[in-house]
Amino acid sequence: MKDRTNPRRSVSSLFDPAIIVPAIGDSFRKLHPRNLVRNPVMFVVEIVTVLTTVLYVRDLLVGGEGLKFTFQIIVWLWITLLFANFAEAVAEGRGKAQAATLRKARTDTRAKRLIDPNGKSGMKDVIEGVSAIDLEPGDVVLVEAGDLIPSDGDVIEGVASINESAITGESAPVVRDSGDRSAVTGTRVLSD
């Protein structure tokens, strides 16, 4: 599916097969105790599930009581473990996809590099268009409303509201200026 406001940017759906299919396999791989020990709650659930499964098999062999109820509990415990791992794997997959989109945006971004930002040669306002990849530390670029910031850096002149939701997850724009709040990342300038 394509974003209607920006046809070059694709929007992934909730059930994107590129994320869901690997997440199914990951949900089983994450059952290994080494992986689950990082999440103490799910690790305890796994220990209880395995213990309950072993006790169920023992009761099944010796003819214990309440086997149907125990079987239902075991099924729900395994479903809980798999679903928790699946949800975590989907979140990781979406995060990786978003990071890949940001990396691709950086390679596609064009920058307006100032030739002589200090105006020593009388060419202060001369701009050349370059790829964001070709920028080097110390280069000064002009970024206007609606532009993508081509690289991480600092605001040296002016004030702008910036959409950092792709980086921070915060939907409200932030204000950046040439003072204390000057650090910017490769995100979009909204105004100023």
C-alpha atoms as a PDB file:
ATOM      1  CA  MET A   1       0.000   0.000   0.000  1.00  0.00           C
ATOM      2  CA  LYS A   2       1.290   3.470  -0.829  1.00  0.00           C
ATOM      3  CA  ASP A   3       0.904   6.603   1.242  1.00  0.00           C
ATOM      4  CA  ARG A   4      -1.331   9.025  -0.674  1.00  0.00           C
ATOM      5  CA  THR A   5       0.491  12.124   0.576  1.00  0.00           C
ATOM      6  CA  ASN A   6       3.884  10.765  -0.449  1.00  0.00           C
ATOM      7  CA  PRO A   7       3.681   8.116  -3.203  1.00  0.00           C
ATOM      8  CA  ARG A   8       7.326   7.066  -2.729  1.00  0.00           C
ATOM      9  CA  ARG A   9       6.761   6.071   0.913  1.00  0.00           C
ATOM     10  CA  SER A  10       5.032   2.747   1.494  1.00  0.00           C
ATOM     11  CA  VAL A  11       2.809   2.176   4.489  1.00  0.00           C
ATOM     12  CA  SER A  12       2.955  -1.276   6.052  1.00  0.00           C
ATOM     13  CA  SER A  13      -0.317  -2.788   7.153  1.00  0.00           C
ATOM     14  CA  LEU A  14      -0.909  -4.512  10.458  1.00  0.00           C
ATOM     15  CA  PHE A  15      -0.699  -7.941   8.799  1.00  0.00           C
ATOM     16  CA  ASP A  16       2.233  -7.333   6.452  1.00  0.00           C
ATOM     17  CA  PRO A  17       3.497 -10.803   5.396  1.00  0.00           C
ATOM     18  CA  ALA A  18       7.083  -9.523   5.323  1.00  0.00           C
ATOM     19  CA  ILE A  19       6.815  -8.984   9.092  1.00  0.00           C
ATOM     20  CA  ILE A  20       4.286 -11.647  10.140  1.00  0.00           C
ATOM     21  CA  VAL A  21       5.875 -14.719   8.484  1.00  0.00           C
ATOM     22  CA  PRO A  22       9.320 -14.305  10.092  1.00  0.00           C
ATOM     23  CA  ALA A  23       7.609 -13.460  13.404  1.00  0.00           C
ATOM     24  CA  ILE A  24       5.880 -16.854  13.438  1.00  0.00           C
ATOM     25  CA  GLY A  25       9.223 -18.662  13.262  1.00  0.00           C
ATOM     26  CA  ASP A  26      10.756 -16.257  15.775  1.00  0.00           C
ATOM     27  CA  SER A  27       7.961 -16.940  18.270  1.00  0.00           C
ATOM     28  CA  PHE A  28       9.074 -20.580  18.423  1.00  0.00           C
ATOM     29  CA  ARG A  29      12.800 -19.728  18.496  1.00  0.00           C
ATOM     30  CA  LYS A  30      12.196 -17.363  21.407  1.00  0.00           C
ATOM     31  CA  LEU A  31      10.926 -20.280  23.516  1.00  0.00           C
ATOM     32  CA  HIS A  32      14.534 -21.164  24.317  1.00  0.00           C
ATOM     33  CA  PRO A  33      15.168 -20.384  28.005  1.00  0.00           C
ATOM     34  CA  ARG A  34      18.234 -18.292  27.123  1.00  0.00           C
ATOM     35  CA  ASN A  35      15.937 -15.905  25.237  1.00  0.00           C
ATOM     36  CA  LEU A  36      13.131 -15.868  27.793  1.00  0.00           C
ATOM     37  CA  VAL A  37      15.376 -15.296  30.807  1.00  0.00           C
ATOM     38  CA  ARG A  38      15.538 -11.611  29.732  1.00  0.00           C
ATOM     39  CA  ASN A  39      11.808 -11.380  30.424  1.00  0.00           C
ATOM     40  CA  PRO A  40      11.358 -12.741  33.968  1.00  0.00           C
ATOM     41  CA  VAL A  41       7.565 -12.979  33.825  1.00  0.00           C
ATOM     42  CA  MET A  42       7.517 -15.016  30.616  1.00  0.00           C
ATOM     43  CA  PHE A  43      10.442 -17.096  31.888  1.00  0.00           C
ATOM     44  CA  VAL A  44       8.414 -18.096  34.957  1.00  0.00           C
ATOM     45  CA  VAL A  45       5.400 -18.833  32.740  1.00  0.00           C
ATOM     46  CA  GLU A  46       7.603 -21.093  30.614  1.00  0.00           C
ATOM     47  CA  ILE A  47       8.935 -22.961  33.642  1.00  0.00           C
ATOM     48  CA  VAL A  48       5.383 -23.504  34.941  1.00  0.00           C
ATOM     49  CA  THR A  49       4.217 -24.571  31.478  1.00  0.00           C
ATOM     50  CA  VAL A  50       6.983 -27.131  31.065  1.00  0.00           C
ATOM     51  CA  LEU A  51       6.482 -28.431  34.598  1.00  0.00           C
ATOM     52  CA  THR A  52       2.723 -28.706  34.066  1.00  0.00           C
ATOM     53  CA  THR A  53       3.269 -30.506  30.762  1.00  0.00           C
ATOM     54  CA  VAL A  54       5.636 -33.012  32.400  1.00  0.00           C
ATOM     55  CA  LEU A  55       3.145 -33.630  35.224  1.00  0.00           C
ATOM     56  CA  TYR A  56       0.344 -34.066  32.687  1.00  0.00           C
ATOM     57  CA  VAL A  57       2.336 -36.686  30.762  1.00  0.00           C
ATOM     58  CA  ARG A  58       3.090 -38.494  34.038  1.00  0.00           C
ATOM     59  CA  ASP A  59      -0.624 -38.441  35.017  1.00  0.00           C
ATOM     60  CA  LEU A  60      -1.566 -39.611  31.544  1.00  0.00           C
ATOM     61  CA  LEU A  61       0.732 -42.651  31.868  1.00  0.00           C
ATOM     62  CA  VAL A  62      -0.357 -43.610  35.392  1.00  0.00           C
ATOM     63  CA  GLY A  63      -4.034 -42.721  34.952  1.00  0.00           C
ATOM     64  CA  GLY A  64      -4.476 -39.589  37.049  1.00  0.00           C
ATOM     65  CA  GLU A  65      -7.681 -37.567  37.503  1.00  0.00           C
ATOM     66  CA  GLY A  66      -8.729 -34.274  35.893  1.00  0.00           C
ATOM     67  CA  LEU A  67      -6.744 -34.804  32.711  1.00  0.00           C
ATOM     68  CA  LYS A  68      -9.108 -32.758  30.532  1.00  0.00           C
ATOM     69  CA  PHE A  69      -8.841 -29.706  32.783  1.00  0.00           C
ATOM     70  CA  THR A  70      -5.045 -30.020  33.036  1.00  0.00           C
ATOM     71  CA  PHE A  71      -4.804 -30.360  29.253  1.00  0.00           C
ATOM     72  CA  GLN A  72      -6.827 -27.146  28.787  1.00  0.00           C
ATOM     73  CA  ILE A  73      -4.555 -25.278  31.193  1.00  0.00           C
ATOM     74  CA  ILE A  74      -1.454 -26.535  29.360  1.00  0.00           C
ATOM     75  CA  VAL A  75      -2.864 -25.470  25.985  1.00  0.00           C
ATOM     76  CA  TRP A  76      -3.620 -21.968  27.319  1.00  0.00           C
ATOM     77  CA  LEU A  77      -0.154 -21.663  28.847  1.00  0.00           C
ATOM     78  CA  TRP A  78       1.556 -22.654  25.573  1.00  0.00           C
ATOM     79  CA  ILE A  79      -0.706 -20.272  23.613  1.00  0.00           C
ATOM     80  CA  THR A  80       0.202 -17.472  26.044  1.00  0.00           C
ATOM     81  CA  LEU A  81       3.916 -18.121  25.602  1.00  0.00           C
ATOM     82  CA  LEU A  82       3.716 -18.317  21.820  1.00  0.00           C
ATOM     83  CA  PHE A  83       1.501 -15.245  21.515  1.00  0.00           C
ATOM     84  CA  ALA A  84       3.780 -13.172  23.775  1.00  0.00           C
ATOM     85  CA  ASN A  85       6.808 -14.212  21.710  1.00  0.00           C
ATOM     86  CA  PHE A  86       4.907 -13.543  18.490  1.00  0.00           C
ATOM     87  CA  ALA A  87       3.914 -10.036  19.634  1.00  0.00           C
ATOM     88  CA  GLU A  88       7.515  -9.284  20.590  1.00  0.00           C
ATOM     89  CA  ALA A  89       8.789 -10.593  17.242  1.00  0.00           C
ATOM     90  CA  VAL A  90       6.255  -8.464  15.333  1.00  0.00           C
ATOM     91  CA  ALA A  91       7.337  -5.367  17.281  1.00  0.00           C
ATOM     92  CA  GLU A  92      10.987  -6.116  16.507  1.00  0.00           C
ATOM     93  CA  GLY A  93      10.169  -6.667  12.829  1.00  0.00           C
ATOM     94  CA  ARG A  94       8.277  -3.379  12.593  1.00  0.00           C
ATOM     95  CA  GLY A  95      11.157  -1.574  14.309  1.00  0.00           C
ATOM     96  CA  LYS A  96      13.675  -3.066  11.884  1.00  0.00           C
ATOM     97  CA  ALA A  97      11.448  -2.129   8.936  1.00  0.00           C
ATOM     98  CA  GLN A  98      11.167   1.448  10.184  1.00  0.00           C
ATOM     99  CA  ALA A  99      14.934   1.666  10.674  1.00  0.00           C
ATOM    100  CA  ALA A 100      15.461   0.380   7.122  1.00  0.00           C
ATOM    101  CA  THR A 101      13.032   3.012   5.832  1.00  0.00           C
ATOM    102  CA  LEU A 102      14.960   5.739   7.650  1.00  0.00           C
ATOM    103  CA  ARG A 103      18.262   4.465   6.220  1.00  0.00           C
ATOM    104  CA  LYS A 104      16.768   4.438   2.722  1.00  0.00           C
ATOM    105  CA  ALA A 105      15.382   7.953   3.186  1.00  0.00           C
ATOM    106  CA  ARG A 106      18.868   9.151   4.062  1.00  0.00           C
ATOM    107  CA  THR A 107      20.305   7.730   0.849  1.00  0.00           C
ATOM    108  CA  ASP A 108      17.506   9.283  -1.234  1.00  0.00           C
ATOM    109  CA  THR A 109      17.639  12.695   0.444  1.00  0.00           C
ATOM    110  CA  ARG A 110      19.090  15.653  -1.392  1.00  0.00           C
ATOM    111  CA  ALA A 111      20.824  18.389   0.586  1.00  0.00           C
ATOM    112  CA  LYS A 112      21.225  22.083  -0.181  1.00  0.00           C
ATOM    113  CA  ARG A 113      24.860  22.566   0.772  1.00  0.00           C
ATOM    114  CA  LEU A 114      26.105  26.145   1.139  1.00  0.00           C
ATOM    115  CA  ILE A 115      29.290  26.688  -0.886  1.00  0.00           C
ATOM    116  CA  ASP A 116      30.741  29.382   1.386  1.00  0.00           C
ATOM    117  CA  PRO A 117      28.618  29.642   4.548  1.00  0.00           C
ATOM    118  CA  ASN A 118      30.804  32.381   6.066  1.00  0.00           C
ATOM    119  CA  GLY A 119      30.696  34.530   2.938  1.00  0.00           C
ATOM    120  CA  LYS A 120      34.484  34.998   2.792  1.00  0.00           C
ATOM    121  CA  SER A 121      34.516  34.766  -0.981  1.00  0.00           C
ATOM    122  CA  GLY A 122      31.381  36.859  -1.435  1.00  0.00           C
ATOM    123  CA  MET A 123      29.314  33.743  -2.272  1.00  0.00           C
ATOM    124  CA  LYS A 124      27.401  33.326   1.009  1.00  0.00           C
ATOM    125  CA  ASP A 125      24.056  32.387  -0.546  1.00  0.00           C
ATOM    126  CA  VAL A 126      25.338  30.049  -3.274  1.00  0.00           C
ATOM    127  CA  ILE A 127      23.822  26.578  -2.858  1.00  0.00           C
ATOM    128  CA  GLU A 128      24.682  23.289  -4.528  1.00  0.00           C
ATOM    129  CA  GLY A 129      22.436  20.224  -4.498  1.00  0.00           C
ATOM    130  CA  VAL A 130      24.217  17.111  -3.254  1.00  0.00           C
ATOM    131  CA  SER A 131      23.201  13.687  -2.014  1.00  0.00           C
ATOM    132  CA  ALA A 132      23.007  13.313   1.783  1.00  0.00           C
ATOM    133  CA  ILE A 133      25.633  10.574   1.507  1.00  0.00           C
ATOM    134  CA  ASP A 134      28.139  13.067   0.095  1.00  0.00           C
ATOM    135  CA  LEU A 135      27.902  15.371   3.123  1.00  0.00           C
ATOM    136  CA  GLU A 136      30.939  15.555   5.357  1.00  0.00           C
ATOM    137  CA  PRO A 137      31.400  16.795   8.919  1.00  0.00           C
ATOM    138  CA  GLY A 138      31.496  20.593   8.934  1.00  0.00           C
ATOM    139  CA  ASP A 139      29.294  21.051   5.859  1.00  0.00           C
ATOM    140  CA  VAL A 140      26.554  23.656   6.260  1.00  0.00           C
ATOM    141  CA  VAL A 141      23.189  22.949   4.651  1.00  0.00           C
ATOM    142  CA  LEU A 142      20.028  24.979   4.173  1.00  0.00           C
ATOM    143  CA  VAL A 143      16.849  23.239   5.353  1.00  0.00           C
ATOM    144  CA  GLU A 144      13.483  24.887   4.805  1.00  0.00           C
ATOM    145  CA  ALA A 145       9.902  24.028   5.786  1.00  0.00           C
ATOM    146  CA  GLY A 146       8.879  20.643   4.346  1.00  0.00           C
ATOM    147  CA  ASP A 147      12.472  19.505   3.744  1.00  0.00           C
ATOM    148  CA  LEU A 148      14.040  16.404   5.216  1.00  0.00           C
ATOM    149  CA  ILE A 149      17.084  17.095   7.353  1.00  0.00           C
ATOM    150  CA  PRO A 150      19.761  15.297   5.312  1.00  0.00           C
ATOM    151  CA  SER A 151      21.935  14.248   8.251  1.00  0.00           C
ATOM    152  CA  ASP A 152      22.352  14.581  11.996  1.00  0.00           C
ATOM    153  CA  GLY A 153      23.720  17.939  13.025  1.00  0.00           C
ATOM    154  CA  ASP A 154      23.173  21.215  14.859  1.00  0.00           C
ATOM    155  CA  VAL A 155      21.099  24.271  14.036  1.00  0.00           C
ATOM    156  CA  ILE A 156      23.508  27.193  13.645  1.00  0.00           C
ATOM    157  CA  GLU A 157      20.968  29.804  12.539  1.00  0.00           C
ATOM    158  CA  GLY A 158      17.190  30.076  12.807  1.00  0.00           C
ATOM    159  CA  VAL A 159      14.339  28.296  14.584  1.00  0.00           C
ATOM    160  CA  ALA A 160      12.158  25.448  13.319  1.00  0.00           C
ATOM    161  CA  SER A 161       9.552  22.974  14.488  1.00  0.00           C
ATOM    162  CA  ILE A 162      10.647  19.457  13.642  1.00  0.00           C
ATOM    163  CA  ASN A 163       8.733  16.186  13.396  1.00  0.00           C
ATOM    164  CA  GLU A 164      10.864  13.648  15.281  1.00  0.00           C
ATOM    165  CA  SER A 165       8.104  11.022  15.563  1.00  0.00           C
ATOM    166  CA  ALA A 166      10.055   8.523  13.450  1.00  0.00           C
ATOM    167  CA  ILE A 167      12.917   8.669  15.952  1.00  0.00           C
ATOM    168  CA  THR A 168      11.238   9.255  19.323  1.00  0.00           C
ATOM    169  CA  GLY A 169       7.677   8.040  18.728  1.00  0.00           C
ATOM    170  CA  GLU A 170       6.381  11.356  20.088  1.00  0.00           C
ATOM    171  CA  SER A 171       3.715  12.785  17.792  1.00  0.00           C
ATOM    172  CA  ALA A 172       4.098  16.408  18.908  1.00  0.00           C
ATOM    173  CA  PRO A 173       6.679  18.422  16.971  1.00  0.00           C
ATOM    174  CA  VAL A 174       9.709  19.798  18.805  1.00  0.00           C
ATOM    175  CA  VAL A 175      11.276  23.243  18.457  1.00  0.00           C
ATOM    176  CA  ARG A 176      14.953  23.446  17.586  1.00  0.00           C
ATOM    177  CA  ASP A 177      16.999  26.634  17.504  1.00  0.00           C
ATOM    178  CA  SER A 178      20.603  27.739  17.471  1.00  0.00           C
ATOM    179  CA  GLY A 179      20.758  27.864  21.283  1.00  0.00           C
ATOM    180  CA  ASP A 180      20.573  25.022  23.775  1.00  0.00           C
ATOM    181  CA  ARG A 181      18.185  22.876  21.737  1.00  0.00           C
ATOM    182  CA  SER A 182      20.179  22.759  18.537  1.00  0.00           C
ATOM    183  CA  ALA A 183      20.657  19.031  17.865  1.00  0.00           C
ATOM    184  CA  VAL A 184      18.674  17.661  14.911  1.00  0.00           C
ATOM    185  CA  THR A 185      18.388  14.258  13.296  1.00  0.00           C
ATOM    186  CA  GLY A 186      17.421  13.124   9.816  1.00  0.00           C
ATOM    187  CA  THR A 187      13.735  14.020  10.167  1.00  0.00           C
ATOM    188  CA  ARG A 188      11.311  16.504   8.571  1.00  0.00           C
ATOM    189  CA  VAL A 189      11.143  20.275   9.182  1.00  0.00           C
ATOM    190  CA  LEU A 190       7.518  21.316   9.608  1.00  0.00           C
ATOM    191  CA  SER A 191       7.736  25.112   9.720  1.00  0.00           C
ATOM    192  CA  ASP A 192      10.020  28.145  10.001  1.00  0.00           C
END
